Protein backbone atom coordinates (compact mmCIF):
# COMPACT_ATOMS: atom_id res chain seq x y z
CA MET A 1 16.50 118.16 60.58
CA VAL A 2 17.17 117.40 64.24
CA MET A 3 15.83 114.68 66.51
CA ARG A 4 13.87 115.79 69.59
CA THR A 5 12.44 113.62 72.37
CA ALA A 6 9.55 114.41 74.70
CA ARG A 7 8.41 112.26 77.63
CA VAL A 8 4.65 111.74 77.81
CA GLY A 9 2.90 109.95 80.66
CA LEU A 10 0.43 107.13 80.14
CA ARG A 11 -3.10 106.90 81.55
CA VAL A 12 -3.78 103.20 81.79
CA SER A 13 -6.27 100.85 83.40
CA ALA A 14 -5.07 98.13 85.77
CA GLY A 15 -5.07 95.59 82.94
CA GLN A 16 -3.18 97.89 80.58
CA ARG A 17 -0.66 98.66 83.34
CA ARG A 18 -0.10 94.94 83.92
CA ARG A 19 0.43 94.36 80.19
CA CYS A 20 2.81 97.33 79.80
CA PHE A 21 4.91 96.19 82.76
CA GLY A 22 4.77 92.69 81.24
CA LEU A 23 6.39 94.08 78.09
CA LEU A 24 9.12 95.78 80.14
CA VAL A 25 9.76 92.60 82.16
CA ALA A 26 9.88 90.52 78.96
CA ALA A 27 12.42 92.98 77.54
CA GLY A 28 14.48 92.52 80.72
CA ASP A 29 14.26 88.76 80.12
CA VAL A 30 15.64 89.22 76.59
CA TRP A 31 18.53 91.24 78.04
CA ALA A 32 19.22 88.59 80.71
CA CYS A 33 19.02 85.82 78.11
CA VAL A 34 21.66 87.50 75.93
CA LEU A 35 23.93 88.08 78.94
CA ASP A 36 23.59 84.44 80.08
CA MET A 37 24.11 83.07 76.56
CA ASN A 38 27.32 85.06 76.11
CA ARG A 39 28.54 84.12 79.61
CA TRP A 40 28.07 80.44 78.76
CA ARG A 41 29.88 80.94 75.47
CA ARG A 42 32.83 82.66 77.20
CA GLN A 43 33.03 79.82 79.76
CA ARG A 44 33.26 77.31 76.91
CA GLY A 45 35.94 79.36 75.14
CA VAL A 46 33.66 80.29 72.23
CA GLN A 47 33.40 83.78 70.75
CA PRO A 48 30.42 85.71 72.21
CA ILE A 49 27.58 86.72 69.91
CA ALA A 50 27.40 90.51 69.86
CA GLY A 51 26.46 91.52 66.32
CA TYR A 52 22.91 92.75 65.88
CA GLN A 53 22.18 90.42 62.95
CA ALA A 54 23.60 87.38 64.75
CA LEU A 55 21.55 88.20 67.85
CA CYS A 56 18.43 88.53 65.68
CA ARG A 57 19.13 85.08 64.21
CA GLU A 58 19.31 83.67 67.75
CA LEU A 59 16.02 85.39 68.57
CA SER A 60 14.39 83.84 65.49
CA ALA A 61 15.68 80.42 66.51
CA ALA A 62 13.99 80.84 69.91
CA GLY A 63 10.62 81.04 68.16
CA PRO A 64 7.54 83.23 68.67
CA GLY A 65 6.01 83.59 72.11
CA THR A 66 9.26 82.89 73.97
CA PHE A 67 9.09 86.26 75.71
CA GLY A 68 5.35 86.54 76.38
CA GLU A 69 3.55 89.46 74.73
CA LEU A 70 6.81 91.07 73.57
CA ASP A 71 6.90 90.98 69.78
CA THR A 72 9.94 90.64 67.55
CA VAL A 73 10.25 94.41 67.01
CA GLY A 74 10.38 95.08 70.76
CA ALA A 75 12.86 92.25 71.35
CA ARG A 76 15.09 93.54 68.56
CA SER A 77 15.18 96.98 70.19
CA VAL A 78 16.67 95.30 73.27
CA LEU A 79 19.20 93.46 71.12
CA ARG A 80 20.22 96.79 69.58
CA ARG A 81 20.68 98.24 73.09
CA TYR A 82 23.04 95.34 73.84
CA SER A 83 24.96 95.31 70.57
CA ASP A 84 25.78 99.03 70.36
CA PRO A 85 27.53 99.37 73.77
CA TRP A 86 29.26 96.01 73.27
CA PHE A 87 30.99 97.22 70.11
CA ALA A 88 31.70 100.63 71.66
CA THR A 89 33.43 98.85 74.56
CA ALA A 90 35.37 96.62 72.16
CA ALA A 91 36.62 99.71 70.31
CA ARG A 92 37.65 101.37 73.58
CA ARG A 93 39.54 98.24 74.63
CA LYS A 94 41.23 98.08 71.24
CA ASP A 95 42.38 101.68 71.78
CA GLY A 96 44.06 100.59 75.03
CA GLU A 97 41.45 101.50 77.65
CA ALA A 98 41.68 98.47 79.96
CA ALA A 99 38.94 99.74 82.32
CA ALA A 100 36.23 99.48 79.62
CA ARG A 101 33.65 96.83 80.55
CA PHE A 102 31.16 94.92 78.45
CA PRO A 103 27.45 94.95 79.42
CA ARG A 104 26.97 92.40 82.23
CA ARG A 105 24.33 93.76 84.60
CA LYS A 106 20.87 92.23 84.42
CA ARG A 107 17.86 94.53 84.61
CA GLY A 108 14.36 93.70 85.72
CA LEU A 109 12.69 96.31 83.49
CA MET A 110 14.17 97.22 80.14
CA PRO A 111 12.86 100.06 77.91
CA VAL A 112 11.26 98.90 74.66
CA ARG A 113 11.53 101.04 71.51
CA TYR A 114 9.15 100.87 68.56
CA TYR A 115 10.09 102.54 65.30
CA HIS A 116 7.93 104.34 62.73
CA GLY A 117 5.51 101.96 61.08
CA THR A 118 5.33 99.51 64.00
CA PHE A 119 3.08 101.60 66.28
CA MET A 120 -0.03 103.69 65.68
CA LEU A 121 -0.54 107.17 67.12
CA GLU A 122 -4.06 108.62 66.87
CA GLY A 123 -4.47 111.85 68.80
CA ARG A 124 -3.89 110.93 72.43
CA ARG A 125 -4.12 107.18 71.84
CA LEU A 126 -1.17 104.91 71.12
CA ARG A 127 -1.23 101.30 69.92
CA LEU A 128 1.84 99.30 70.88
CA PRO A 129 2.57 96.12 68.94
CA THR A 130 2.28 92.81 70.78
CA GLY A 131 3.22 89.24 69.98
CA ARG A 132 1.26 87.04 67.61
CA GLY A 133 -2.00 85.85 69.15
CA CYS A 134 -2.16 88.65 71.75
CA ALA A 135 -4.81 91.34 71.80
CA PRO A 136 -3.70 94.80 70.58
CA LEU A 137 -2.49 97.10 73.35
CA TRP A 138 -4.04 100.57 73.15
CA VAL A 139 -3.01 103.11 75.81
CA ARG A 140 -3.99 106.74 76.40
CA LEU A 141 -1.45 109.54 76.69
CA ASP A 142 -1.88 112.04 79.51
CA ARG A 143 -1.22 114.92 77.08
CA SER A 144 -0.94 115.46 73.37
CA VAL A 145 2.35 114.70 71.66
CA PRO A 146 4.13 118.04 71.01
CA TYR A 147 5.06 117.00 67.45
CA PRO A 148 2.95 116.43 64.33
CA PRO A 149 2.18 112.70 63.91
CA GLY A 150 3.98 112.56 60.56
CA GLN A 151 7.26 113.61 62.20
CA VAL A 152 7.21 111.02 65.00
CA TRP A 153 10.11 108.64 64.44
CA SER A 154 9.86 106.27 67.42
CA VAL A 155 8.23 105.70 70.80
CA THR A 156 9.97 104.06 73.74
CA LEU A 157 7.99 102.49 76.58
CA VAL A 158 9.74 103.19 79.91
CA ALA A 159 8.95 102.93 83.61
CA GLU A 160 10.31 105.40 86.12
CA GLY A 161 9.35 105.62 89.77
CA GLY A 162 6.53 103.12 89.30
CA ARG A 163 4.91 105.20 86.52
CA LEU A 164 4.70 104.40 82.84
CA PHE A 165 5.85 106.83 80.15
CA VAL A 166 6.60 106.88 76.46
CA ASP A 167 9.54 108.82 75.10
CA VAL A 168 8.36 110.18 71.75
CA THR A 169 11.19 110.96 69.33
CA ALA A 170 10.45 113.12 66.30
CA GLU A 171 12.39 114.53 63.40
CA VAL A 172 11.92 118.30 63.62
CA PRO A 173 13.08 120.75 60.94
CA ILE A 174 15.58 123.40 61.93
CA THR A 175 14.01 126.85 62.00
CA THR A 176 14.75 128.85 58.88
CA TYR A 177 13.94 132.49 58.32
CA PRO A 178 13.34 134.46 55.14
CA PRO A 179 16.27 136.82 54.42
CA GLU A 180 14.36 139.92 55.54
CA ARG A 181 13.24 138.39 58.89
CA GLN A 182 16.46 136.77 60.18
CA PRO A 183 17.43 137.40 63.80
CA ASP A 184 19.99 140.14 64.40
CA PRO A 185 23.36 138.48 65.24
CA ALA A 186 24.47 141.61 67.16
CA ARG A 187 21.54 141.25 69.56
CA VAL A 188 22.24 138.89 72.47
CA ALA A 189 19.67 137.32 74.74
CA GLY A 190 20.36 135.64 78.06
CA VAL A 191 22.47 136.23 81.12
CA ASP A 192 26.07 137.42 81.01
CA PRO A 193 27.96 135.19 83.49
CA GLY A 194 31.09 137.30 83.34
């Protein structure tokens, strides 16, 4: 199995657009909150919080509704995006690379990833989870997802150039051939650059 990602545009009403951008802004607020919290901790001489589980505990302590319509699953995807590069940078610094830098730049819009079981994909309609007490957010896709719904692993809400998209990631099986129909390894396709 291999993971493949396809970008699919969204067709949204003005209200849906406002809510989707609200989710992206709230995700940016989560990112900024983590950066500020760790900056304050460094200034006080305390170890920064970088582990995913520790960050999730801090998120739980903040309580529901702190980041608007962004639910816990969406906020945790942002925490994962912070934790992974932080530990990669720590490993690079440990290996002697002094130029490695920890995440410190704030972002206004941050992509939000939802994993299998947290979203609903029905044909060309997608339901994104929202915080407790908020109405469900259904959006239309501008084309069909190129993967069977059972293989879709995650969707990521992103904004690029003022437009909204979802990156759909699916687990796709590697092509296998019966023994009598395998491609001929002596036959080459493509351009010879040499």
